[in-house]
């Protein structure tokens, strides 16, 4: 039972790392195209969208 809990925690952490990775990538790309003020929230929203697409 404890091993399953550890595995599920690791998988949750991996999903969170994907969200952070995508948010950083999209924020950088959008800040080049648009203003950084709009790019950061748009990048975070896009990262959650992309992460949901891969599930």
PDB file of N, CA and C in Angstrom:
ATOM      1  N   UNK A   1       0.829  -1.203   0.000  1.00  0.00           N
ATOM      2  CA  UNK A   1       0.000   0.000   0.000  1.00  0.00           C
ATOM      3  C   UNK A   1       0.864   1.254   0.000  1.00  0.00           C
ATOM      4  N   UNK A   2       1.929   1.237   0.786  1.00  0.00           N
ATOM      5  CA  UNK A   2       2.776   2.430   0.840  1.00  0.00           C
ATOM      6  C   UNK A   2       3.506   2.647  -0.488  1.00  0.00           C
ATOM      7  N   UNK A   3       3.865   1.561  -1.150  1.00  0.00           N
ATOM      8  CA  UNK A   3       4.547   1.692  -2.435  1.00  0.00           C
ATOM      9  C   UNK A   3       3.638   2.359  -3.464  1.00  0.00           C
ATOM     10  N   UNK A   4       2.350   1.984  -3.460  1.00  0.00           N
ATOM     11  CA  UNK A   4       1.399   2.611  -4.381  1.00  0.00           C
ATOM     12  C   UNK A   4       1.247   4.094  -4.080  1.00  0.00           C
ATOM     13  N   UNK A   5       1.235   4.453  -2.802  1.00  0.00           N
ATOM     14  CA  UNK A   5       1.132   5.869  -2.433  1.00  0.00           C
ATOM     15  C   UNK A   5       2.337   6.641  -2.952  1.00  0.00           C
ATOM     16  N   UNK A   6       3.532   6.049  -2.804  1.00  0.00           N
ATOM     17  CA  UNK A   6       4.749   6.714  -3.280  1.00  0.00           C
ATOM     18  C   UNK A   6       4.697   6.885  -4.793  1.00  0.00           C
ATOM     19  N   UNK A   7       4.266   5.837  -5.505  1.00  0.00           N
ATOM     20  CA  UNK A   7       4.195   5.904  -6.970  1.00  0.00           C
ATOM     21  C   UNK A   7       3.199   6.976  -7.406  1.00  0.00           C
ATOM     22  N   UNK A   8       2.054   7.037  -6.738  1.00  0.00           N
ATOM     23  CA  UNK A   8       1.060   8.046  -7.113  1.00  0.00           C
ATOM     24  C   UNK A   8       1.585   9.450  -6.838  1.00  0.00           C
ATOM     25  N   UNK A   9       2.331   9.622  -5.746  1.00  0.00           N
ATOM     26  CA  UNK A   9       2.920  10.936  -5.452  1.00  0.00           C
ATOM     27  C   UNK A   9       3.926  11.320  -6.529  1.00  0.00           C
ATOM     28  N   UNK A  10       4.733  10.354  -6.965  1.00  0.00           N
ATOM     29  CA  UNK A  10       5.727  10.635  -8.008  1.00  0.00           C
ATOM     30  C   UNK A  10       5.034  11.021  -9.310  1.00  0.00           C
ATOM     31  N   UNK A  11       3.943  10.312  -9.658  1.00  0.00           N
ATOM     32  CA  UNK A  11       3.221  10.637 -10.887  1.00  0.00           C
ATOM     33  C   UNK A  11       2.588  12.020 -10.798  1.00  0.00           C
ATOM     34  N   UNK A  12       2.037  12.368  -9.631  1.00  0.00           N
ATOM     35  CA  UNK A  12       1.478  13.707  -9.457  1.00  0.00           C
ATOM     36  C   UNK A  12       2.564  14.756  -9.614  1.00  0.00           C
ATOM     37  N   UNK A  13       3.740  14.486  -9.046  1.00  0.00           N
ATOM     38  CA  UNK A  13       4.856  15.419  -9.140  1.00  0.00           C
ATOM     39  C   UNK A  13       5.285  15.590 -10.595  1.00  0.00           C
ATOM     40  N   UNK A  14       5.285  14.481 -11.354  1.00  0.00           N
ATOM     41  CA  UNK A  14       5.672  14.535 -12.764  1.00  0.00           C
ATOM     42  C   UNK A  14       4.707  15.415 -13.555  1.00  0.00           C
ATOM     43  N   UNK A  15       3.410  15.297 -13.264  1.00  0.00           N
ATOM     44  CA  UNK A  15       2.419  16.138 -13.938  1.00  0.00           C
ATOM     45  C   UNK A  15       2.662  17.608 -13.597  1.00  0.00           C
ATOM     46  N   UNK A  16       2.965  17.888 -12.331  1.00  0.00           N
ATOM     47  CA  UNK A  16       3.225  19.266 -11.934  1.00  0.00           C
ATOM     48  C   UNK A  16       4.476  19.807 -12.613  1.00  0.00           C
ATOM     49  N   UNK A  17       5.508  18.953 -12.775  1.00  0.00           N
ATOM     50  CA  UNK A  17       6.721  19.382 -13.469  1.00  0.00           C
ATOM     51  C   UNK A  17       6.395  19.691 -14.925  1.00  0.00           C
ATOM     52  N   UNK A  18       5.538  18.881 -15.565  1.00  0.00           N
ATOM     53  CA  UNK A  18       5.128  19.164 -16.939  1.00  0.00           C
ATOM     54  C   UNK A  18       4.426  20.505 -17.034  1.00  0.00           C
ATOM     55  N   UNK A  19       3.540  20.789 -16.075  1.00  0.00           N
ATOM     56  CA  UNK A  19       2.823  22.063 -16.080  1.00  0.00           C
ATOM     57  C   UNK A  19       3.806  23.217 -15.941  1.00  0.00           C
ATOM     58  N   UNK A  20       4.760  23.082 -15.020  1.00  0.00           N
ATOM     59  CA  UNK A  20       5.747  24.148 -14.822  1.00  0.00           C
ATOM     60  C   UNK A  20       6.587  24.321 -16.080  1.00  0.00           C
ATOM     61  N   UNK A  21       7.014  23.206 -16.688  1.00  0.00           N
ATOM     62  CA  UNK A  21       7.836  23.263 -17.895  1.00  0.00           C
ATOM     63  C   UNK A  21       7.102  23.974 -19.028  1.00  0.00           C
ATOM     64  N   UNK A  22       5.848  23.569 -19.270  1.00  0.00           N
ATOM     65  CA  UNK A  22       5.077  24.201 -20.337  1.00  0.00           C
ATOM     66  C   UNK A  22       4.807  25.668 -20.042  1.00  0.00           C
ATOM     67  N   UNK A  23       4.537  26.003 -18.774  1.00  0.00           N
ATOM     68  CA  UNK A  23       4.243  27.400 -18.449  1.00  0.00           C
ATOM     69  C   UNK A  23       5.473  28.264 -18.692  1.00  0.00           C
ATOM     70  N   UNK A  24       6.658  27.755 -18.368  1.00  0.00           N
ATOM     71  CA  UNK A  24       7.886  28.520 -18.613  1.00  0.00           C
ATOM     72  C   UNK A  24       8.110  28.692 -20.113  1.00  0.00           C
ATOM     73  N   UNK A  25       7.963  27.596 -20.869  1.00  0.00           N
ATOM     74  CA  UNK A  25       8.198  27.656 -22.318  1.00  0.00           C
ATOM     75  C   UNK A  25       7.220  28.612 -22.986  1.00  0.00           C
ATOM     76  N   UNK A  26       5.925  28.464 -22.685  1.00  0.00           N
ATOM     77  CA  UNK A  26       4.927  29.328 -23.315  1.00  0.00           C
ATOM     78  C   UNK A  26       5.082  30.780 -22.869  1.00  0.00           C
ATOM     79  N   UNK A  27       5.459  31.003 -21.602  1.00  0.00           N
ATOM     80  CA  UNK A  27       5.635  32.376 -21.131  1.00  0.00           C
ATOM     81  C   UNK A  27       6.778  33.056 -21.866  1.00  0.00           C
ATOM     82  N   UNK A  28       7.868  32.329 -22.095  1.00  0.00           N
ATOM     83  CA  UNK A  28       9.008  32.907 -22.819  1.00  0.00           C
ATOM     84  C   UNK A  28       8.617  33.210 -24.257  1.00  0.00           C
ATOM     85  N   UNK A  29       7.958  32.255 -24.919  1.00  0.00           N
ATOM     86  CA  UNK A  29       7.565  32.453 -26.322  1.00  0.00           C
ATOM     87  C   UNK A  29       6.585  33.614 -26.440  1.00  0.00           C
ATOM     88  N   UNK A  30       5.579  33.658 -25.559  1.00  0.00           N
ATOM     89  CA  UNK A  30       4.574  34.709 -25.643  1.00  0.00           C
ATOM     90  C   UNK A  30       5.132  36.062 -25.226  1.00  0.00           C
ATOM     91  N   UNK A  31       6.121  36.081 -24.330  1.00  0.00           N
ATOM     92  CA  UNK A  31       6.696  37.367 -23.936  1.00  0.00           C
ATOM     93  C   UNK A  31       7.523  37.958 -25.074  1.00  0.00           C
ATOM     94  N   UNK A  32       8.053  37.090 -25.950  1.00  0.00           N
ATOM     95  CA  UNK A  32       8.745  37.599 -27.142  1.00  0.00           C
ATOM     96  C   UNK A  32       7.725  38.182 -28.118  1.00  0.00           C
ATOM     97  N   UNK A  33       6.596  37.480 -28.299  1.00  0.00           N
ATOM     98  CA  UNK A  33       5.590  37.936 -29.255  1.00  0.00           C
ATOM     99  C   UNK A  33       4.755  39.082 -28.701  1.00  0.00           C
ATOM    100  N   UNK A  34       4.351  38.963 -27.424  1.00  0.00           N
ATOM    101  CA  UNK A  34       3.481  39.965 -26.814  1.00  0.00           C
ATOM    102  C   UNK A  34       4.209  40.605 -25.639  1.00  0.00           C
ATOM    103  N   UNK A  35       3.461  41.284 -24.795  1.00  0.00           N
ATOM    104  CA  UNK A  35       4.066  41.878 -23.605  1.00  0.00           C
ATOM    105  C   UNK A  35       4.173  40.819 -22.509  1.00  0.00           C
ATOM    106  N   UNK A  36       5.196  40.889 -21.653  1.00  0.00           N
ATOM    107  CA  UNK A  36       5.332  39.902 -20.570  1.00  0.00           C
ATOM    108  C   UNK A  36       4.149  39.915 -19.609  1.00  0.00           C
ATOM    109  N   UNK A  37       3.473  41.066 -19.486  1.00  0.00           N
ATOM    110  CA  UNK A  37       2.335  41.164 -18.569  1.00  0.00           C
ATOM    111  C   UNK A  37       1.222  40.202 -18.981  1.00  0.00           C
ATOM    112  N   UNK A  38       0.973  40.086 -20.285  1.00  0.00           N
ATOM    113  CA  UNK A  38      -0.035  39.146 -20.781  1.00  0.00           C
ATOM    114  C   UNK A  38       0.529  37.733 -20.936  1.00  0.00           C
ATOM    115  N   UNK A  39       1.824  37.630 -21.184  1.00  0.00           N
ATOM    116  CA  UNK A  39       2.410  36.334 -21.549  1.00  0.00           C
ATOM    117  C   UNK A  39       2.412  35.354 -20.390  1.00  0.00           C
ATOM    118  N   UNK A  40       2.666  35.826 -19.169  1.00  0.00           N
ATOM    119  CA  UNK A  40       2.802  34.891 -18.049  1.00  0.00           C
ATOM    120  C   UNK A  40       1.482  34.194 -17.731  1.00  0.00           C
ATOM    121  N   UNK A  41       0.347  34.925 -17.539  1.00  0.00           N
ATOM    122  CA  UNK A  41      -0.908  34.190 -17.301  1.00  0.00           C
ATOM    123  C   UNK A  41      -1.351  33.345 -18.492  1.00  0.00           C
ATOM    124  N   UNK A  42      -1.122  33.826 -19.721  1.00  0.00           N
ATOM    125  CA  UNK A  42      -1.485  33.032 -20.896  1.00  0.00           C
ATOM    126  C   UNK A  42      -0.653  31.753 -20.964  1.00  0.00           C
ATOM    127  N   UNK A  43       0.635  31.849 -20.629  1.00  0.00           N
ATOM    128  CA  UNK A  43       1.497  30.672 -20.636  1.00  0.00           C
ATOM    129  C   UNK A  43       1.072  29.644 -19.612  1.00  0.00           C
ATOM    130  N   UNK A  44       0.650  30.122 -18.423  1.00  0.00           N
ATOM    131  CA  UNK A  44       0.196  29.198 -17.383  1.00  0.00           C
ATOM    132  C   UNK A  44      -1.093  28.505 -17.818  1.00  0.00           C
ATOM    133  N   UNK A  45      -2.032  29.269 -18.406  1.00  0.00           N
ATOM    134  CA  UNK A  45      -3.285  28.672 -18.875  1.00  0.00           C
ATOM    135  C   UNK A  45      -3.023  27.659 -19.990  1.00  0.00           C
ATOM    136  N   UNK A  46      -2.131  28.003 -20.937  1.00  0.00           N
ATOM    137  CA  UNK A  46      -1.806  27.079 -22.022  1.00  0.00           C
ATOM    138  C   UNK A  46      -1.154  25.811 -21.491  1.00  0.00           C
ATOM    139  N   UNK A  47      -0.315  25.952 -20.458  1.00  0.00           N
ATOM    140  CA  UNK A  47       0.364  24.772 -19.923  1.00  0.00           C
ATOM    141  C   UNK A  47      -0.636  23.806 -19.303  1.00  0.00           C
ATOM    142  N   UNK A  48      -1.646  24.328 -18.586  1.00  0.00           N
ATOM    143  CA  UNK A  48      -2.667  23.439 -18.035  1.00  0.00           C
ATOM    144  C   UNK A  48      -3.479  22.800 -19.157  1.00  0.00           C
ATOM    145  N   UNK A  49      -3.748  23.550 -20.230  1.00  0.00           N
ATOM    146  CA  UNK A  49      -4.483  23.000 -21.369  1.00  0.00           C
ATOM    147  C   UNK A  49      -3.691  21.870 -22.030  1.00  0.00           C
ATOM    148  N   UNK A  50      -2.391  22.101 -22.267  1.00  0.00           N
ATOM    149  CA  UNK A  50      -1.553  21.086 -22.899  1.00  0.00           C
ATOM    150  C   UNK A  50      -1.430  19.852 -22.010  1.00  0.00           C
ATOM    151  N   UNK A  51      -1.314  20.062 -20.696  1.00  0.00           N
ATOM    152  CA  UNK A  51      -1.186  18.928 -19.790  1.00  0.00           C
ATOM    153  C   UNK A  51      -2.463  18.090 -19.789  1.00  0.00           C
ATOM    154  N   UNK A  52      -3.611  18.722 -19.907  1.00  0.00           N
ATOM    155  CA  UNK A  52      -4.871  17.981 -19.973  1.00  0.00           C
ATOM    156  C   UNK A  52      -5.001  17.231 -21.294  1.00  0.00           C
ATOM    157  N   UNK A  53      -4.414  17.761 -22.366  1.00  0.00           N
ATOM    158  CA  UNK A  53      -4.481  17.085 -23.661  1.00  0.00           C
ATOM    159  C   UNK A  53      -3.726  15.758 -23.636  1.00  0.00           C
ATOM    160  N   UNK A  54      -2.628  15.689 -22.879  1.00  0.00           N
ATOM    161  CA  UNK A  54      -1.792  14.484 -22.886  1.00  0.00           C
ATOM    162  C   UNK A  54      -2.297  13.409 -21.945  1.00  0.00           C
ATOM    163  N   UNK A  55      -3.286  13.706 -21.111  1.00  0.00           N
ATOM    164  CA  UNK A  55      -3.780  12.693 -20.171  1.00  0.00           C
ATOM    165  C   UNK A  55      -4.648  11.663 -20.887  1.00  0.00           C
TER     166      UNK A  55
END
